[in-house]
């Protein structure tokens, strides 16, 4: 009969290792993101600005 405690321990260790790997990858990606240059900002006119530009209608 299999030793269920040993099977559980193997699965638990593998789960912990997987979680550590994922956490390390997340941290690495966050550091790369924070170290990169921010994207350029592009401003778009608001709906209010657009409506003011079209009114009053020019003859």
C-alpha atoms as a PDB file:
ATOM      1  CA  UNK A   1       0.000   0.000   0.000  1.00  0.00           C
ATOM      2  CA  UNK A   2       1.417   3.464  -0.892  1.00  0.00           C
ATOM      3  CA  UNK A   3       2.557   5.819   1.823  1.00  0.00           C
ATOM      4  CA  UNK A   4       0.029   8.637   1.447  1.00  0.00           C
ATOM      5  CA  UNK A   5       1.999  10.959   3.708  1.00  0.00           C
ATOM      6  CA  UNK A   6       4.985  10.659   1.394  1.00  0.00           C
ATOM      7  CA  UNK A   7       2.787  11.199  -1.687  1.00  0.00           C
ATOM      8  CA  UNK A   8       1.275  14.283  -0.053  1.00  0.00           C
ATOM      9  CA  UNK A   9       4.706  15.616   0.866  1.00  0.00           C
ATOM     10  CA  UNK A  10       5.945  15.194  -2.716  1.00  0.00           C
ATOM     11  CA  UNK A  11       2.923  17.049  -4.099  1.00  0.00           C
ATOM     12  CA  UNK A  12       3.196  19.775  -1.452  1.00  0.00           C
ATOM     13  CA  UNK A  13       6.889  20.390  -2.218  1.00  0.00           C
ATOM     14  CA  UNK A  14       6.193  20.524  -5.954  1.00  0.00           C
ATOM     15  CA  UNK A  15       3.348  22.987  -5.396  1.00  0.00           C
ATOM     16  CA  UNK A  16       5.549  25.209  -3.248  1.00  0.00           C
ATOM     17  CA  UNK A  17       8.322  25.107  -5.859  1.00  0.00           C
ATOM     18  CA  UNK A  18       5.867  26.034  -8.639  1.00  0.00           C
ATOM     19  CA  UNK A  19       4.523  28.950  -6.597  1.00  0.00           C
ATOM     20  CA  UNK A  20       8.071  30.226  -5.967  1.00  0.00           C
ATOM     21  CA  UNK A  21       8.891  29.997  -9.689  1.00  0.00           C
ATOM     22  CA  UNK A  22       5.755  31.926 -10.645  1.00  0.00           C
ATOM     23  CA  UNK A  23       6.401  34.584  -8.009  1.00  0.00           C
ATOM     24  CA  UNK A  24       9.987  35.042  -9.214  1.00  0.00           C
ATOM     25  CA  UNK A  25       8.771  35.408 -12.810  1.00  0.00           C
ATOM     26  CA  UNK A  26       6.175  37.961 -11.726  1.00  0.00           C
ATOM     27  CA  UNK A  27       8.792  40.003  -9.862  1.00  0.00           C
ATOM     28  CA  UNK A  28      11.144  39.901 -12.846  1.00  0.00           C
ATOM     29  CA  UNK A  29       8.390  41.103 -15.181  1.00  0.00           C
ATOM     30  CA  UNK A  30       7.404  43.886 -12.771  1.00  0.00           C
ATOM     31  CA  UNK A  31      11.019  45.058 -12.532  1.00  0.00           C
ATOM     32  CA  UNK A  32      11.365  45.067 -16.326  1.00  0.00           C
ATOM     33  CA  UNK A  33       8.116  47.013 -16.668  1.00  0.00           C
ATOM     34  CA  UNK A  34       9.142  49.612 -14.086  1.00  0.00           C
ATOM     35  CA  UNK A  35      12.599  49.999 -15.647  1.00  0.00           C
ATOM     36  CA  UNK A  36      11.224  50.626 -19.146  1.00  0.00           C
ATOM     37  CA  UNK A  37      10.412  54.038 -20.552  1.00  0.00           C
ATOM     38  CA  UNK A  38       6.776  55.020 -20.188  1.00  0.00           C
ATOM     39  CA  UNK A  39       4.755  55.148 -23.396  1.00  0.00           C
ATOM     40  CA  UNK A  40       4.182  58.613 -24.832  1.00  0.00           C
ATOM     41  CA  UNK A  41       0.978  60.258 -23.715  1.00  0.00           C
ATOM     42  CA  UNK A  42      -1.511  61.209 -26.369  1.00  0.00           C
ATOM     43  CA  UNK A  43      -4.273  63.618 -25.408  1.00  0.00           C
ATOM     44  CA  UNK A  44      -7.614  63.422 -27.143  1.00  0.00           C
ATOM     45  CA  UNK A  45     -10.191  66.195 -27.003  1.00  0.00           C
ATOM     46  CA  UNK A  46     -13.069  65.557 -24.652  1.00  0.00           C
ATOM     47  CA  UNK A  47     -16.635  65.391 -25.888  1.00  0.00           C
ATOM     48  CA  UNK A  48     -17.207  68.852 -24.417  1.00  0.00           C
ATOM     49  CA  UNK A  49     -14.230  70.283 -26.308  1.00  0.00           C
ATOM     50  CA  UNK A  50     -15.425  68.705 -29.525  1.00  0.00           C
ATOM     51  CA  UNK A  51     -18.922  70.112 -29.149  1.00  0.00           C
ATOM     52  CA  UNK A  52     -17.558  73.607 -28.426  1.00  0.00           C
ATOM     53  CA  UNK A  53     -15.485  73.502 -31.588  1.00  0.00           C
ATOM     54  CA  UNK A  54     -18.527  72.755 -33.758  1.00  0.00           C
ATOM     55  CA  UNK A  55     -20.790  75.396 -32.135  1.00  0.00           C
ATOM     56  CA  UNK A  56     -21.756  78.009 -32.974  1.00  0.00           C
ATOM     57  CA  UNK A  57     -21.913  76.996 -36.593  1.00  0.00           C
ATOM     58  CA  UNK A  58     -19.993  79.288 -38.863  1.00  0.00           C
ATOM     59  CA  UNK A  59     -21.966  80.865 -41.728  1.00  0.00           C
END
